[in-house]
C-alpha cells in the first residue's frame, strides 16, 4: 500500500495504461485512503485522474479577444464615439 500511495502522490504527469487501451498521459488529483482493522485489514484507496494537458485554470495566457475589444473601446472613447 505504501508504494502505491507514494506513486499516486508523485507530482507531475505520467503515462497511464488501462488494460485493453492505449497509453494516455494523466495527472493524479486528490488521493484518499484508509485502512479498516474491523474488516480484516482491508485498504480503501480512492483517487482522481485527469488527462494531462494544457492547464485551463488559472490561465497564464492573454485573452486576445478581450484585449482587442478593450483597445477598441478606448479608441472609440478617445474619438468621442461612445
PDB file of N, CA and C in Angstrom:
ATOM      1  N   UNK A   1       0.822  -1.180   0.000  1.00  0.00           N
ATOM      2  CA  UNK A   1       0.000   0.000   0.000  1.00  0.00           C
ATOM      3  C   UNK A   1       0.874   1.255   0.000  1.00  0.00           C
ATOM      4  N   UNK A   2       1.961   1.241   0.740  1.00  0.00           N
ATOM      5  CA  UNK A   2       2.830   2.422   0.802  1.00  0.00           C
ATOM      6  C   UNK A   2       3.426   2.765  -0.555  1.00  0.00           C
ATOM      7  N   UNK A   3       3.800   1.750  -1.336  1.00  0.00           N
ATOM      8  CA  UNK A   3       4.366   2.003  -2.667  1.00  0.00           C
ATOM      9  C   UNK A   3       3.322   2.602  -3.599  1.00  0.00           C
ATOM     10  N   UNK A   4       2.089   2.117  -3.513  1.00  0.00           N
ATOM     11  CA  UNK A   4       1.011   2.662  -4.344  1.00  0.00           C
ATOM     12  C   UNK A   4       0.733   4.109  -3.968  1.00  0.00           C
ATOM     13  N   UNK A   5       0.650   4.407  -2.680  1.00  0.00           N
ATOM     14  CA  UNK A   5       0.407   5.781  -2.234  1.00  0.00           C
ATOM     15  C   UNK A   5       1.547   6.708  -2.639  1.00  0.00           C
ATOM     16  N   UNK A   6       2.779   6.223  -2.558  1.00  0.00           N
ATOM     17  CA  UNK A   6       3.924   7.037  -2.978  1.00  0.00           C
ATOM     18  C   UNK A   6       3.834   7.351  -4.467  1.00  0.00           C
ATOM     19  N   UNK A   7       3.449   6.369  -5.270  1.00  0.00           N
ATOM     20  CA  UNK A   7       3.309   6.590  -6.714  1.00  0.00           C
ATOM     21  C   UNK A   7       2.182   7.577  -7.003  1.00  0.00           C
ATOM     22  N   UNK A   8       1.062   7.447  -6.304  1.00  0.00           N
ATOM     23  CA  UNK A   8      -0.076   8.346  -6.523  1.00  0.00           C
ATOM     24  C   UNK A   8       0.231   9.774  -6.091  1.00  0.00           C
ATOM     25  N   UNK A   9       1.106   9.939  -5.120  1.00  0.00           N
ATOM     26  CA  UNK A   9       1.437  11.273  -4.617  1.00  0.00           C
ATOM     27  C   UNK A   9       2.652  11.894  -5.298  1.00  0.00           C
ATOM     28  N   UNK A  10       3.166  11.249  -6.338  1.00  0.00           N
ATOM     29  CA  UNK A  10       4.283  11.805  -7.095  1.00  0.00           C
ATOM     30  C   UNK A  10       3.767  12.917  -8.000  1.00  0.00           C
ATOM     31  N   UNK A  11       4.411  14.078  -7.933  1.00  0.00           N
ATOM     32  CA  UNK A  11       3.958  15.230  -8.721  1.00  0.00           C
ATOM     33  C   UNK A  11       4.260  15.047 -10.202  1.00  0.00           C
ATOM     34  N   UNK A  12       3.419  15.653 -11.027  1.00  0.00           N
ATOM     35  CA  UNK A  12       3.652  15.677 -12.464  1.00  0.00           C
ATOM     36  C   UNK A  12       2.879  14.619 -13.225  1.00  0.00           C
ATOM     37  N   UNK A  13       2.786  14.799 -14.544  1.00  0.00           N
ATOM     38  CA  UNK A  13       2.056  13.849 -15.380  1.00  0.00           C
ATOM     39  C   UNK A  13       2.813  12.531 -15.551  1.00  0.00           C
ATOM     40  N   UNK A  14       2.056  11.468 -15.786  1.00  0.00           N
ATOM     41  CA  UNK A  14       2.626  10.139 -16.000  1.00  0.00           C
ATOM     42  C   UNK A  14       1.889   9.457 -17.153  1.00  0.00           C
ATOM     43  N   UNK A  15       2.500   8.429 -17.724  1.00  0.00           N
ATOM     44  CA  UNK A  15       1.818   7.613 -18.731  1.00  0.00           C
ATOM     45  C   UNK A  15       0.997   6.554 -18.017  1.00  0.00           C
ATOM     46  N   UNK A  16      -0.263   6.446 -18.366  1.00  0.00           N
ATOM     47  CA  UNK A  16      -1.205   5.551 -17.712  1.00  0.00           C
ATOM     48  C   UNK A  16      -1.728   4.585 -18.769  1.00  0.00           C
ATOM     49  N   UNK A  17      -1.811   3.329 -18.437  1.00  0.00           N
ATOM     50  CA  UNK A  17      -2.348   2.348 -19.380  1.00  0.00           C
ATOM     51  C   UNK A  17      -3.385   1.502 -18.661  1.00  0.00           C
ATOM     52  N   UNK A  18      -4.610   1.572 -19.146  1.00  0.00           N
ATOM     53  CA  UNK A  18      -5.673   0.724 -18.628  1.00  0.00           C
ATOM     54  C   UNK A  18      -5.728  -0.502 -19.532  1.00  0.00           C
ATOM     55  N   UNK A  19      -5.861  -1.667 -18.937  1.00  0.00           N
ATOM     56  CA  UNK A  19      -5.839  -2.910 -19.706  1.00  0.00           C
ATOM     57  C   UNK A  19      -6.771  -2.806 -20.919  1.00  0.00           C
ATOM     58  N   UNK A  20      -6.224  -3.109 -22.087  1.00  0.00           N
ATOM     59  CA  UNK A  20      -7.017  -3.118 -23.308  1.00  0.00           C
ATOM     60  C   UNK A  20      -7.074  -1.789 -24.040  1.00  0.00           C
ATOM     61  N   UNK A  21      -6.406  -0.768 -23.530  1.00  0.00           N
ATOM     62  CA  UNK A  21      -6.408   0.521 -24.228  1.00  0.00           C
ATOM     63  C   UNK A  21      -4.982   1.058 -24.328  1.00  0.00           C
ATOM     64  N   UNK A  22      -4.839   2.144 -25.062  1.00  0.00           N
ATOM     65  CA  UNK A  22      -3.516   2.726 -25.292  1.00  0.00           C
ATOM     66  C   UNK A  22      -3.055   3.538 -24.082  1.00  0.00           C
ATOM     67  N   UNK A  23      -1.769   3.899 -24.096  1.00  0.00           N
ATOM     68  CA  UNK A  23      -1.231   4.765 -23.053  1.00  0.00           C
ATOM     69  C   UNK A  23      -1.830   6.155 -23.185  1.00  0.00           C
ATOM     70  N   UNK A  24      -2.032   6.799 -22.058  1.00  0.00           N
ATOM     71  CA  UNK A  24      -2.544   8.163 -22.036  1.00  0.00           C
ATOM     72  C   UNK A  24      -1.775   8.924 -20.961  1.00  0.00           C
ATOM     73  N   UNK A  25      -1.429  10.174 -21.237  1.00  0.00           N
ATOM     74  CA  UNK A  25      -0.718  10.996 -20.255  1.00  0.00           C
ATOM     75  C   UNK A  25      -1.763  11.582 -19.305  1.00  0.00           C
ATOM     76  N   UNK A  26      -1.601  11.301 -18.008  1.00  0.00           N
ATOM     77  CA  UNK A  26      -2.564  11.740 -16.997  1.00  0.00           C
ATOM     78  C   UNK A  26      -1.839  12.357 -15.803  1.00  0.00           C
ATOM     79  N   UNK A  27      -2.631  13.004 -14.974  1.00  0.00           N
ATOM     80  CA  UNK A  27      -2.127  13.540 -13.711  1.00  0.00           C
ATOM     81  C   UNK A  27      -3.113  13.140 -12.620  1.00  0.00           C
ATOM     82  N   UNK A  28      -2.587  12.714 -11.492  1.00  0.00           N
ATOM     83  CA  UNK A  28      -3.428  12.290 -10.371  1.00  0.00           C
ATOM     84  C   UNK A  28      -3.816  13.512  -9.556  1.00  0.00           C
ATOM     85  N   UNK A  29      -5.097  13.585  -9.204  1.00  0.00           N
ATOM     86  CA  UNK A  29      -5.594  14.683  -8.374  1.00  0.00           C
ATOM     87  C   UNK A  29      -5.643  14.268  -6.912  1.00  0.00           C
ATOM     88  N   UNK A  30      -6.797  14.412  -6.313  1.00  0.00           N
ATOM     89  CA  UNK A  30      -6.993  14.137  -4.888  1.00  0.00           C
ATOM     90  C   UNK A  30      -6.856  12.639  -4.609  1.00  0.00           C
ATOM     91  N   UNK A  31      -6.144  12.307  -3.542  1.00  0.00           N
ATOM     92  CA  UNK A  31      -5.953  10.916  -3.126  1.00  0.00           C
ATOM     93  C   UNK A  31      -6.417  10.784  -1.681  1.00  0.00           C
ATOM     94  N   UNK A  32      -7.253   9.782  -1.403  1.00  0.00           N
ATOM     95  CA  UNK A  32      -7.648   9.485  -0.023  1.00  0.00           C
ATOM     96  C   UNK A  32      -7.445   7.991   0.215  1.00  0.00           C
ATOM     97  N   UNK A  33      -7.216   7.636   1.475  1.00  0.00           N
ATOM     98  CA  UNK A  33      -7.072   6.226   1.810  1.00  0.00           C
ATOM     99  C   UNK A  33      -7.421   6.006   3.278  1.00  0.00           C
ATOM    100  N   UNK A  34      -7.784   4.767   3.569  1.00  0.00           N
ATOM    101  CA  UNK A  34      -7.999   4.373   4.960  1.00  0.00           C
ATOM    102  C   UNK A  34      -7.788   2.870   5.065  1.00  0.00           C
ATOM    103  N   UNK A  35      -7.409   2.442   6.227  1.00  0.00           N
ATOM    104  CA  UNK A  35      -7.176   1.026   6.498  1.00  0.00           C
ATOM    105  C   UNK A  35      -8.204   0.582   7.528  1.00  0.00           C
ATOM    106  N   UNK A  36      -8.994  -0.422   7.189  1.00  0.00           N
ATOM    107  CA  UNK A  36     -10.046  -0.897   8.079  1.00  0.00           C
ATOM    108  C   UNK A  36      -9.569  -2.119   8.864  1.00  0.00           C
ATOM    109  N   UNK A  37      -9.371  -1.930  10.159  1.00  0.00           N
ATOM    110  CA  UNK A  37      -8.985  -3.066  11.010  1.00  0.00           C
ATOM    111  C   UNK A  37     -10.198  -3.934  11.336  1.00  0.00           C
ATOM    112  N   UNK A  38     -11.401  -3.357  11.264  1.00  0.00           N
ATOM    113  CA  UNK A  38     -12.620  -4.117  11.547  1.00  0.00           C
ATOM    114  C   UNK A  38     -12.936  -5.112  10.441  1.00  0.00           C
ATOM    115  N   UNK A  39     -12.415  -4.869   9.246  1.00  0.00           N
ATOM    116  CA  UNK A  39     -12.702  -5.739   8.103  1.00  0.00           C
ATOM    117  C   UNK A  39     -11.485  -6.572   7.716  1.00  0.00           C
ATOM    118  N   UNK A  40     -10.649  -6.872   8.672  1.00  0.00           N
ATOM    119  CA  UNK A  40      -9.505  -7.737   8.415  1.00  0.00           C
ATOM    120  C   UNK A  40      -8.332  -7.057   7.747  1.00  0.00           C
ATOM    121  N   UNK A  41      -8.205  -5.762   7.917  1.00  0.00           N
ATOM    122  CA  UNK A  41      -7.064  -5.050   7.352  1.00  0.00           C
ATOM    123  C   UNK A  41      -7.219  -4.665   5.891  1.00  0.00           C
ATOM    124  N   UNK A  42      -8.456  -4.469   5.429  1.00  0.00           N
ATOM    125  CA  UNK A  42      -8.692  -4.059   4.040  1.00  0.00           C
ATOM    126  C   UNK A  42      -8.308  -2.596   3.873  1.00  0.00           C
ATOM    127  N   UNK A  43      -7.608  -2.305   2.789  1.00  0.00           N
ATOM    128  CA  UNK A  43      -7.224  -0.922   2.475  1.00  0.00           C
ATOM    129  C   UNK A  43      -8.179  -0.373   1.422  1.00  0.00           C
ATOM    130  N   UNK A  44      -8.703   0.813   1.680  1.00  0.00           N
ATOM    131  CA  UNK A  44      -9.554   1.516   0.721  1.00  0.00           C
ATOM    132  C   UNK A  44      -8.771   2.710   0.197  1.00  0.00           C
ATOM    133  N   UNK A  45      -8.605   2.771  -1.117  1.00  0.00           N
ATOM    134  CA  UNK A  45      -7.866   3.863  -1.742  1.00  0.00           C
ATOM    135  C   UNK A  45      -8.735   4.454  -2.837  1.00  0.00           C
ATOM    136  N   UNK A  46      -8.828   5.771  -2.840  1.00  0.00           N
ATOM    137  CA  UNK A  46      -9.608   6.481  -3.849  1.00  0.00           C
ATOM    138  C   UNK A  46      -8.746   7.602  -4.413  1.00  0.00           C
ATOM    139  N   UNK A  47      -8.793   7.780  -5.733  1.00  0.00           N
ATOM    140  CA  UNK A  47      -8.015   8.868  -6.328  1.00  0.00           C
ATOM    141  C   UNK A  47      -8.672   9.341  -7.618  1.00  0.00           C
ATOM    142  N   UNK A  48      -8.433  10.612  -7.940  1.00  0.00           N
ATOM    143  CA  UNK A  48      -8.954  11.222  -9.159  1.00  0.00           C
ATOM    144  C   UNK A  48      -7.845  11.259 -10.200  1.00  0.00           C
ATOM    145  N   UNK A  49      -8.193  10.988 -11.441  1.00  0.00           N
ATOM    146  CA  UNK A  49      -7.226  11.018 -12.536  1.00  0.00           C
ATOM    147  C   UNK A  49      -7.748  11.970 -13.603  1.00  0.00           C
ATOM    148  N   UNK A  50      -6.880  12.879 -14.045  1.00  0.00           N
ATOM    149  CA  UNK A  50      -7.233  13.856 -15.072  1.00  0.00           C
ATOM    150  C   UNK A  50      -6.297  13.708 -16.258  1.00  0.00           C
ATOM    151  N   UNK A  51      -6.833  13.945 -17.444  1.00  0.00           N
ATOM    152  CA  UNK A  51      -5.985  13.951 -18.629  1.00  0.00           C
ATOM    153  C   UNK A  51      -4.992  15.092 -18.495  1.00  0.00           C
ATOM    154  N   UNK A  52      -3.726  14.803 -18.683  1.00  0.00           N
ATOM    155  CA  UNK A  52      -2.691  15.832 -18.583  1.00  0.00           C
ATOM    156  C   UNK A  52      -2.642  16.576 -19.904  1.00  0.00           C
ATOM    157  N   UNK A  53      -2.722  17.861 -19.806  1.00  0.00           N
ATOM    158  CA  UNK A  53      -2.678  18.704 -20.990  1.00  0.00           C
ATOM    159  C   UNK A  53      -2.469  20.128 -20.545  1.00  0.00           C
ATOM    160  N   UNK A  54      -2.932  21.043 -21.354  1.00  0.00           N
ATOM    161  CA  UNK A  54      -2.788  22.450 -21.013  1.00  0.00           C
ATOM    162  C   UNK A  54      -3.657  22.771 -19.805  1.00  0.00           C
ATOM    163  N   UNK A  55      -3.085  23.439 -18.834  1.00  0.00           N
ATOM    164  CA  UNK A  55      -3.820  23.824 -17.635  1.00  0.00           C
ATOM    165  C   UNK A  55      -4.819  24.911 -18.005  1.00  0.00           C
ATOM    166  N   UNK A  56      -6.085  24.713 -17.630  1.00  0.00           N
ATOM    167  CA  UNK A  56      -7.128  25.657 -18.009  1.00  0.00           C
ATOM    168  C   UNK A  56      -7.326  26.774 -16.999  1.00  0.00           C
ATOM    169  N   UNK A  57      -7.195  26.477 -15.734  1.00  0.00           N
ATOM    170  CA  UNK A  57      -7.464  27.479 -14.707  1.00  0.00           C
ATOM    171  C   UNK A  57      -6.334  27.490 -13.698  1.00  0.00           C
ATOM    172  N   UNK A  58      -5.763  28.589 -13.321  1.00  0.00           N
ATOM    173  CA  UNK A  58      -5.895  29.885 -13.992  1.00  0.00           C
ATOM    174  C   UNK A  58      -5.055  29.892 -15.258  1.00  0.00           C
ATOM    175  N   UNK A  59      -5.486  30.656 -16.201  1.00  0.00           N
ATOM    176  CA  UNK A  59      -4.785  30.707 -17.476  1.00  0.00           C
ATOM    177  C   UNK A  59      -3.690  31.759 -17.424  1.00  0.00           C
ATOM    178  N   UNK A  60      -2.504  31.372 -17.811  1.00  0.00           N
ATOM    179  CA  UNK A  60      -1.393  32.309 -17.845  1.00  0.00           C
ATOM    180  C   UNK A  60      -1.274  33.006 -19.181  1.00  0.00           C
ATOM    181  N   UNK A  61      -2.159  32.652 -20.130  1.00  0.00           N
ATOM    182  CA  UNK A  61      -2.102  33.266 -21.452  1.00  0.00           C
ATOM    183  C   UNK A  61      -3.070  34.431 -21.533  1.00  0.00           C
ATOM    184  N   UNK A  62      -2.764  35.359 -22.398  1.00  0.00           N
ATOM    185  CA  UNK A  62      -3.585  36.553 -22.556  1.00  0.00           C
ATOM    186  C   UNK A  62      -4.853  36.223 -23.339  1.00  0.00           C
ATOM    187  N   UNK A  63      -5.980  36.797 -22.927  1.00  0.00           N
ATOM    188  CA  UNK A  63      -7.241  36.681 -23.657  1.00  0.00           C
ATOM    189  C   UNK A  63      -7.225  37.745 -24.747  1.00  0.00           C
ATOM    190  N   UNK A  64      -6.786  37.379 -25.945  1.00  0.00           N
ATOM    191  CA  UNK A  64      -6.595  38.368 -27.013  1.00  0.00           C
ATOM    192  C   UNK A  64      -7.905  38.997 -27.458  1.00  0.00           C
ATOM    193  N   UNK A  65      -8.990  38.269 -27.386  1.00  0.00           N
ATOM    194  CA  UNK A  65     -10.295  38.821 -27.756  1.00  0.00           C
ATOM    195  C   UNK A  65     -10.680  39.956 -26.815  1.00  0.00           C
ATOM    196  N   UNK A  66     -10.540  39.727 -25.518  1.00  0.00           N
ATOM    197  CA  UNK A  66     -10.871  40.768 -24.537  1.00  0.00           C
ATOM    198  C   UNK A  66      -9.929  41.957 -24.665  1.00  0.00           C
ATOM    199  N   UNK A  67      -8.655  41.698 -24.926  1.00  0.00           N
ATOM    200  CA  UNK A  67      -7.682  42.780 -25.085  1.00  0.00           C
ATOM    201  C   UNK A  67      -8.025  43.636 -26.297  1.00  0.00           C
ATOM    202  N   UNK A  68      -8.399  43.003 -27.406  1.00  0.00           N
ATOM    203  CA  UNK A  68      -8.765  43.726 -28.628  1.00  0.00           C
ATOM    204  C   UNK A  68     -10.014  44.565 -28.412  1.00  0.00           C
ATOM    205  N   UNK A  69     -11.034  43.992 -27.779  1.00  0.00           N
ATOM    206  CA  UNK A  69     -12.269  44.742 -27.519  1.00  0.00           C
ATOM    207  C   UNK A  69     -12.008  45.920 -26.590  1.00  0.00           C
ATOM    208  N   UNK A  70     -11.181  45.724 -25.587  1.00  0.00           N
ATOM    209  CA  UNK A  70     -10.840  46.800 -24.663  1.00  0.00           C
ATOM    210  C   UNK A  70     -10.111  47.923 -25.390  1.00  0.00           C
ATOM    211  N   UNK A  71      -9.184  47.572 -26.264  1.00  0.00           N
ATOM    212  CA  UNK A  71      -8.448  48.580 -27.033  1.00  0.00           C
ATOM    213  C   UNK A  71      -9.387  49.332 -27.963  1.00  0.00           C
ATOM    214  N   UNK A  72     -10.331  48.630 -28.591  1.00  0.00           N
ATOM    215  CA  UNK A  72     -11.303  49.281 -29.481  1.00  0.00           C
ATOM    216  C   UNK A  72     -12.180  50.254 -28.702  1.00  0.00           C
ATOM    217  N   UNK A  73     -12.588  49.867 -27.498  1.00  0.00           N
ATOM    218  CA  UNK A  73     -13.391  50.766 -26.660  1.00  0.00           C
ATOM    219  C   UNK A  73     -12.616  52.029 -26.312  1.00  0.00           C
ATOM    220  N   UNK A  74     -11.331  51.893 -26.036  1.00  0.00           N
ATOM    221  CA  UNK A  74     -10.506  53.061 -25.710  1.00  0.00           C
ATOM    222  C   UNK A  74     -10.378  53.996 -26.905  1.00  0.00           C
ATOM    223  N   UNK A  75     -10.257  53.431 -28.106  1.00  0.00           N
ATOM    224  CA  UNK A  75     -10.171  54.257 -29.318  1.00  0.00           C
ATOM    225  C   UNK A  75     -11.487  54.993 -29.533  1.00  0.00           C
ATOM    226  N   UNK A  76     -12.614  54.284 -29.394  1.00  0.00           N
ATOM    227  CA  UNK A  76     -13.931  54.918 -29.552  1.00  0.00           C
ATOM    228  C   UNK A  76     -14.101  56.050 -28.545  1.00  0.00           C
ATOM    229  N   UNK A  77     -13.698  55.799 -27.315  1.00  0.00           N
ATOM    230  CA  UNK A  77     -13.814  56.807 -26.263  1.00  0.00           C
ATOM    231  C   UNK A  77     -12.959  58.027 -26.595  1.00  0.00           C
ATOM    232  N   UNK A  78     -11.760  57.801 -27.092  1.00  0.00           N
ATOM    233  CA  UNK A  78     -10.861  58.906 -27.447  1.00  0.00           C
ATOM    234  C   UNK A  78     -11.424  59.722 -28.603  1.00  0.00           C
ATOM    235  N   UNK A  79     -12.161  59.072 -29.503  1.00  0.00           N
ATOM    236  CA  UNK A  79     -12.749  59.771 -30.647  1.00  0.00           C
ATOM    237  C   UNK A  79     -14.122  60.351 -30.319  1.00  0.00           C
ATOM    238  N   UNK A  80     -14.610  60.096 -29.113  1.00  0.00           N
ATOM    239  CA  UNK A  80     -15.910  60.616 -28.694  1.00  0.00           C
ATOM    240  C   UNK A  80     -17.075  59.886 -29.330  1.00  0.00           C
ATOM    241  N   UNK A  81     -16.914  58.631 -29.678  1.00  0.00           N
ATOM    242  CA  UNK A  81     -17.962  57.859 -30.345  1.00  0.00           C
ATOM    243  C   UNK A  81     -18.737  56.962 -29.395  1.00  0.00           C
ATOM    244  N   UNK A  82     -18.648  57.174 -28.163  1.00  0.00           N
ATOM    245  CA  UNK A  82     -19.365  56.324 -27.206  1.00  0.00           C
ATOM    246  C   UNK A  82     -20.715  56.769 -27.063  1.00  0.00           C
TER     247      UNK A  82
END
